[in-house]
């Protein structure tokens, strides 16, 4: 599964893991998608 996603997007593994963690943690704490996107953009 991970190799399929990495092959489709060209993203590195660290970037993919960071993206998923930010979204999972944000969802857990009830952040809006806009907040999560803002947090993710700040980490790039």
PDB file of N, CA and C in Angstrom:
ATOM      1  N   UNK A   1       0.821  -1.197   0.000  1.00  0.00           N
ATOM      2  CA  UNK A   1       0.000   0.000   0.000  1.00  0.00           C
ATOM      3  C   UNK A   1       0.859   1.252   0.000  1.00  0.00           C
ATOM      4  N   UNK A   2       1.816   1.334   0.931  1.00  0.00           N
ATOM      5  CA  UNK A   2       2.655   2.529   1.008  1.00  0.00           C
ATOM      6  C   UNK A   2       3.431   2.712  -0.286  1.00  0.00           C
ATOM      7  N   UNK A   3       3.967   1.631  -0.817  1.00  0.00           N
ATOM      8  CA  UNK A   3       4.736   1.761  -2.057  1.00  0.00           C
ATOM      9  C   UNK A   3       3.857   2.238  -3.201  1.00  0.00           C
ATOM     10  N   UNK A   4       2.580   1.837  -3.223  1.00  0.00           N
ATOM     11  CA  UNK A   4       1.670   2.306  -4.264  1.00  0.00           C
ATOM     12  C   UNK A   4       1.423   3.805  -4.136  1.00  0.00           C
ATOM     13  N   UNK A   5       1.233   4.281  -2.910  1.00  0.00           N
ATOM     14  CA  UNK A   5       1.006   5.710  -2.684  1.00  0.00           C
ATOM     15  C   UNK A   5       2.257   6.503  -3.028  1.00  0.00           C
ATOM     16  N   UNK A   6       3.407   6.022  -2.595  1.00  0.00           N
ATOM     17  CA  UNK A   6       4.656   6.718  -2.894  1.00  0.00           C
ATOM     18  C   UNK A   6       4.909   6.760  -4.393  1.00  0.00           C
ATOM     19  N   UNK A   7       4.582   5.678  -5.085  1.00  0.00           N
ATOM     20  CA  UNK A   7       4.772   5.638  -6.525  1.00  0.00           C
ATOM     21  C   UNK A   7       3.844   6.592  -7.254  1.00  0.00           C
ATOM     22  N   UNK A   8       2.621   6.736  -6.783  1.00  0.00           N
ATOM     23  CA  UNK A   8       1.649   7.616  -7.429  1.00  0.00           C
ATOM     24  C   UNK A   8       1.955   9.084  -7.197  1.00  0.00           C
ATOM     25  N   UNK A   9       2.391   9.433  -5.979  1.00  0.00           N
ATOM     26  CA  UNK A   9       2.554  10.839  -5.630  1.00  0.00           C
ATOM     27  C   UNK A   9       3.968  11.348  -5.788  1.00  0.00           C
ATOM     28  N   UNK A  10       4.944  10.447  -5.721  1.00  0.00           N
ATOM     29  CA  UNK A  10       6.333  10.873  -5.772  1.00  0.00           C
ATOM     30  C   UNK A  10       6.817  11.467  -4.461  1.00  0.00           C
ATOM     31  N   UNK A  11       5.995  11.411  -3.407  1.00  0.00           N
ATOM     32  CA  UNK A  11       6.377  11.949  -2.112  1.00  0.00           C
ATOM     33  C   UNK A  11       7.349  11.010  -1.413  1.00  0.00           C
ATOM     34  N   UNK A  12       8.184  11.589  -0.586  1.00  0.00           N
ATOM     35  CA  UNK A  12       9.060  10.779   0.234  1.00  0.00           C
ATOM     36  C   UNK A  12       8.288  10.196   1.408  1.00  0.00           C
ATOM     37  N   UNK A  13       8.826   9.160   1.983  1.00  0.00           N
ATOM     38  CA  UNK A  13       8.167   8.490   3.096  1.00  0.00           C
ATOM     39  C   UNK A  13       7.986   9.437   4.285  1.00  0.00           C
ATOM     40  N   UNK A  14       8.996  10.210   4.615  1.00  0.00           N
ATOM     41  CA  UNK A  14       8.899  11.132   5.759  1.00  0.00           C
ATOM     42  C   UNK A  14       7.788  12.151   5.544  1.00  0.00           C
ATOM     43  N   UNK A  15       7.678  12.669   4.339  1.00  0.00           N
ATOM     44  CA  UNK A  15       6.632  13.653   4.038  1.00  0.00           C
ATOM     45  C   UNK A  15       5.247  13.022   4.146  1.00  0.00           C
ATOM     46  N   UNK A  16       5.101  11.794   3.670  1.00  0.00           N
ATOM     47  CA  UNK A  16       3.830  11.089   3.742  1.00  0.00           C
ATOM     48  C   UNK A  16       3.428  10.830   5.195  1.00  0.00           C
ATOM     49  N   UNK A  17       4.388  10.381   6.007  1.00  0.00           N
ATOM     50  CA  UNK A  17       4.108  10.111   7.416  1.00  0.00           C
ATOM     51  C   UNK A  17       3.735  11.402   8.134  1.00  0.00           C
ATOM     52  N   UNK A  18       4.465  12.481   7.880  1.00  0.00           N
ATOM     53  CA  UNK A  18       4.152  13.777   8.501  1.00  0.00           C
ATOM     54  C   UNK A  18       2.738  14.225   8.147  1.00  0.00           C
ATOM     55  N   UNK A  19       2.371  14.092   6.891  1.00  0.00           N
ATOM     56  CA  UNK A  19       1.029  14.469   6.430  1.00  0.00           C
ATOM     57  C   UNK A  19      -0.045  13.682   7.178  1.00  0.00           C
ATOM     58  N   UNK A  20       0.122  12.360   7.255  1.00  0.00           N
ATOM     59  CA  UNK A  20      -0.885  11.508   7.924  1.00  0.00           C
ATOM     60  C   UNK A  20      -0.963  11.807   9.411  1.00  0.00           C
ATOM     61  N   UNK A  21       0.198  12.004  10.067  1.00  0.00           N
ATOM     62  CA  UNK A  21       0.190  12.303  11.497  1.00  0.00           C
ATOM     63  C   UNK A  21      -0.516  13.618  11.798  1.00  0.00           C
ATOM     64  N   UNK A  22      -0.231  14.640  11.025  1.00  0.00           N
ATOM     65  CA  UNK A  22      -0.878  15.931  11.236  1.00  0.00           C
ATOM     66  C   UNK A  22      -2.386  15.794  11.097  1.00  0.00           C
ATOM     67  N   UNK A  23      -2.830  15.076  10.095  1.00  0.00           N
ATOM     68  CA  UNK A  23      -4.271  14.914   9.883  1.00  0.00           C
ATOM     69  C   UNK A  23      -4.915  14.069  10.973  1.00  0.00           C
ATOM     70  N   UNK A  24      -4.285  12.976  11.370  1.00  0.00           N
ATOM     71  CA  UNK A  24      -4.844  12.116  12.412  1.00  0.00           C
ATOM     72  C   UNK A  24      -4.916  12.845  13.753  1.00  0.00           C
ATOM     73  N   UNK A  25      -3.842  13.527  14.123  1.00  0.00           N
ATOM     74  CA  UNK A  25      -3.829  14.254  15.394  1.00  0.00           C
ATOM     75  C   UNK A  25      -4.830  15.411  15.347  1.00  0.00           C
ATOM     76  N   UNK A  26      -4.872  16.120  14.234  1.00  0.00           N
ATOM     77  CA  UNK A  26      -5.834  17.216  14.091  1.00  0.00           C
ATOM     78  C   UNK A  26      -7.268  16.727  14.188  1.00  0.00           C
ATOM     79  N   UNK A  27      -7.569  15.617  13.541  1.00  0.00           N
ATOM     80  CA  UNK A  27      -8.916  15.033  13.625  1.00  0.00           C
ATOM     81  C   UNK A  27      -9.244  14.640  15.064  1.00  0.00           C
ATOM     82  N   UNK A  28      -8.291  14.050  15.741  1.00  0.00           N
ATOM     83  CA  UNK A  28      -8.500  13.603  17.122  1.00  0.00           C
ATOM     84  C   UNK A  28      -8.879  14.774  18.030  1.00  0.00           C
ATOM     85  N   UNK A  29      -8.218  15.916  17.836  1.00  0.00           N
ATOM     86  CA  UNK A  29      -8.471  17.073  18.677  1.00  0.00           C
ATOM     87  C   UNK A  29      -9.563  17.991  18.128  1.00  0.00           C
ATOM     88  N   UNK A  30     -10.215  17.582  17.038  1.00  0.00           N
ATOM     89  CA  UNK A  30     -11.348  18.330  16.517  1.00  0.00           C
ATOM     90  C   UNK A  30     -10.991  19.566  15.705  1.00  0.00           C
ATOM     91  N   UNK A  31      -9.776  19.615  15.167  1.00  0.00           N
ATOM     92  CA  UNK A  31      -9.394  20.756  14.332  1.00  0.00           C
ATOM     93  C   UNK A  31     -10.162  20.707  13.017  1.00  0.00           C
ATOM     94  N   UNK A  32     -10.450  21.869  12.466  1.00  0.00           N
ATOM     95  CA  UNK A  32     -11.104  21.923  11.162  1.00  0.00           C
ATOM     96  C   UNK A  32     -10.088  21.576  10.081  1.00  0.00           C
ATOM     97  N   UNK A  33     -10.584  21.251   8.906  1.00  0.00           N
ATOM     98  CA  UNK A  33      -9.676  20.958   7.781  1.00  0.00           C
ATOM     99  C   UNK A  33      -8.829  22.173   7.442  1.00  0.00           C
ATOM    100  N   UNK A  34      -9.394  23.363   7.586  1.00  0.00           N
ATOM    101  CA  UNK A  34      -8.624  24.589   7.323  1.00  0.00           C
ATOM    102  C   UNK A  34      -7.474  24.731   8.312  1.00  0.00           C
ATOM    103  N   UNK A  35      -7.751  24.433   9.601  1.00  0.00           N
ATOM    104  CA  UNK A  35      -6.690  24.489  10.606  1.00  0.00           C
ATOM    105  C   UNK A  35      -5.601  23.474  10.306  1.00  0.00           C
ATOM    106  N   UNK A  36      -6.012  22.268   9.964  1.00  0.00           N
ATOM    107  CA  UNK A  36      -5.048  21.204   9.657  1.00  0.00           C
ATOM    108  C   UNK A  36      -4.208  21.594   8.446  1.00  0.00           C
ATOM    109  N   UNK A  37      -4.837  22.135   7.422  1.00  0.00           N
ATOM    110  CA  UNK A  37      -4.103  22.557   6.228  1.00  0.00           C
ATOM    111  C   UNK A  37      -3.113  23.669   6.566  1.00  0.00           C
ATOM    112  N   UNK A  38      -3.514  24.596   7.442  1.00  0.00           N
ATOM    113  CA  UNK A  38      -2.632  25.699   7.857  1.00  0.00           C
ATOM    114  C   UNK A  38      -1.427  25.144   8.626  1.00  0.00           C
ATOM    115  N   UNK A  39      -1.678  24.198   9.526  1.00  0.00           N
ATOM    116  CA  UNK A  39      -0.579  23.586  10.283  1.00  0.00           C
ATOM    117  C   UNK A  39       0.372  22.853   9.352  1.00  0.00           C
ATOM    118  N   UNK A  40      -0.205  22.098   8.438  1.00  0.00           N
ATOM    119  CA  UNK A  40       0.628  21.341   7.495  1.00  0.00           C
ATOM    120  C   UNK A  40       1.474  22.286   6.628  1.00  0.00           C
ATOM    121  N   UNK A  41       0.877  23.377   6.181  1.00  0.00           N
ATOM    122  CA  UNK A  41       1.604  24.336   5.335  1.00  0.00           C
ATOM    123  C   UNK A  41       2.764  24.964   6.106  1.00  0.00           C
ATOM    124  N   UNK A  42       2.587  25.143   7.402  1.00  0.00           N
ATOM    125  CA  UNK A  42       3.640  25.750   8.225  1.00  0.00           C
ATOM    126  C   UNK A  42       4.818  24.807   8.435  1.00  0.00           C
ATOM    127  N   UNK A  43       4.614  23.502   8.229  1.00  0.00           N
ATOM    128  CA  UNK A  43       5.706  22.544   8.438  1.00  0.00           C
ATOM    129  C   UNK A  43       6.538  22.329   7.190  1.00  0.00           C
ATOM    130  N   UNK A  44       6.092  22.842   6.063  1.00  0.00           N
ATOM    131  CA  UNK A  44       6.836  22.644   4.805  1.00  0.00           C
ATOM    132  C   UNK A  44       8.001  23.584   4.686  1.00  0.00           C
TER     133      UNK A  44
END
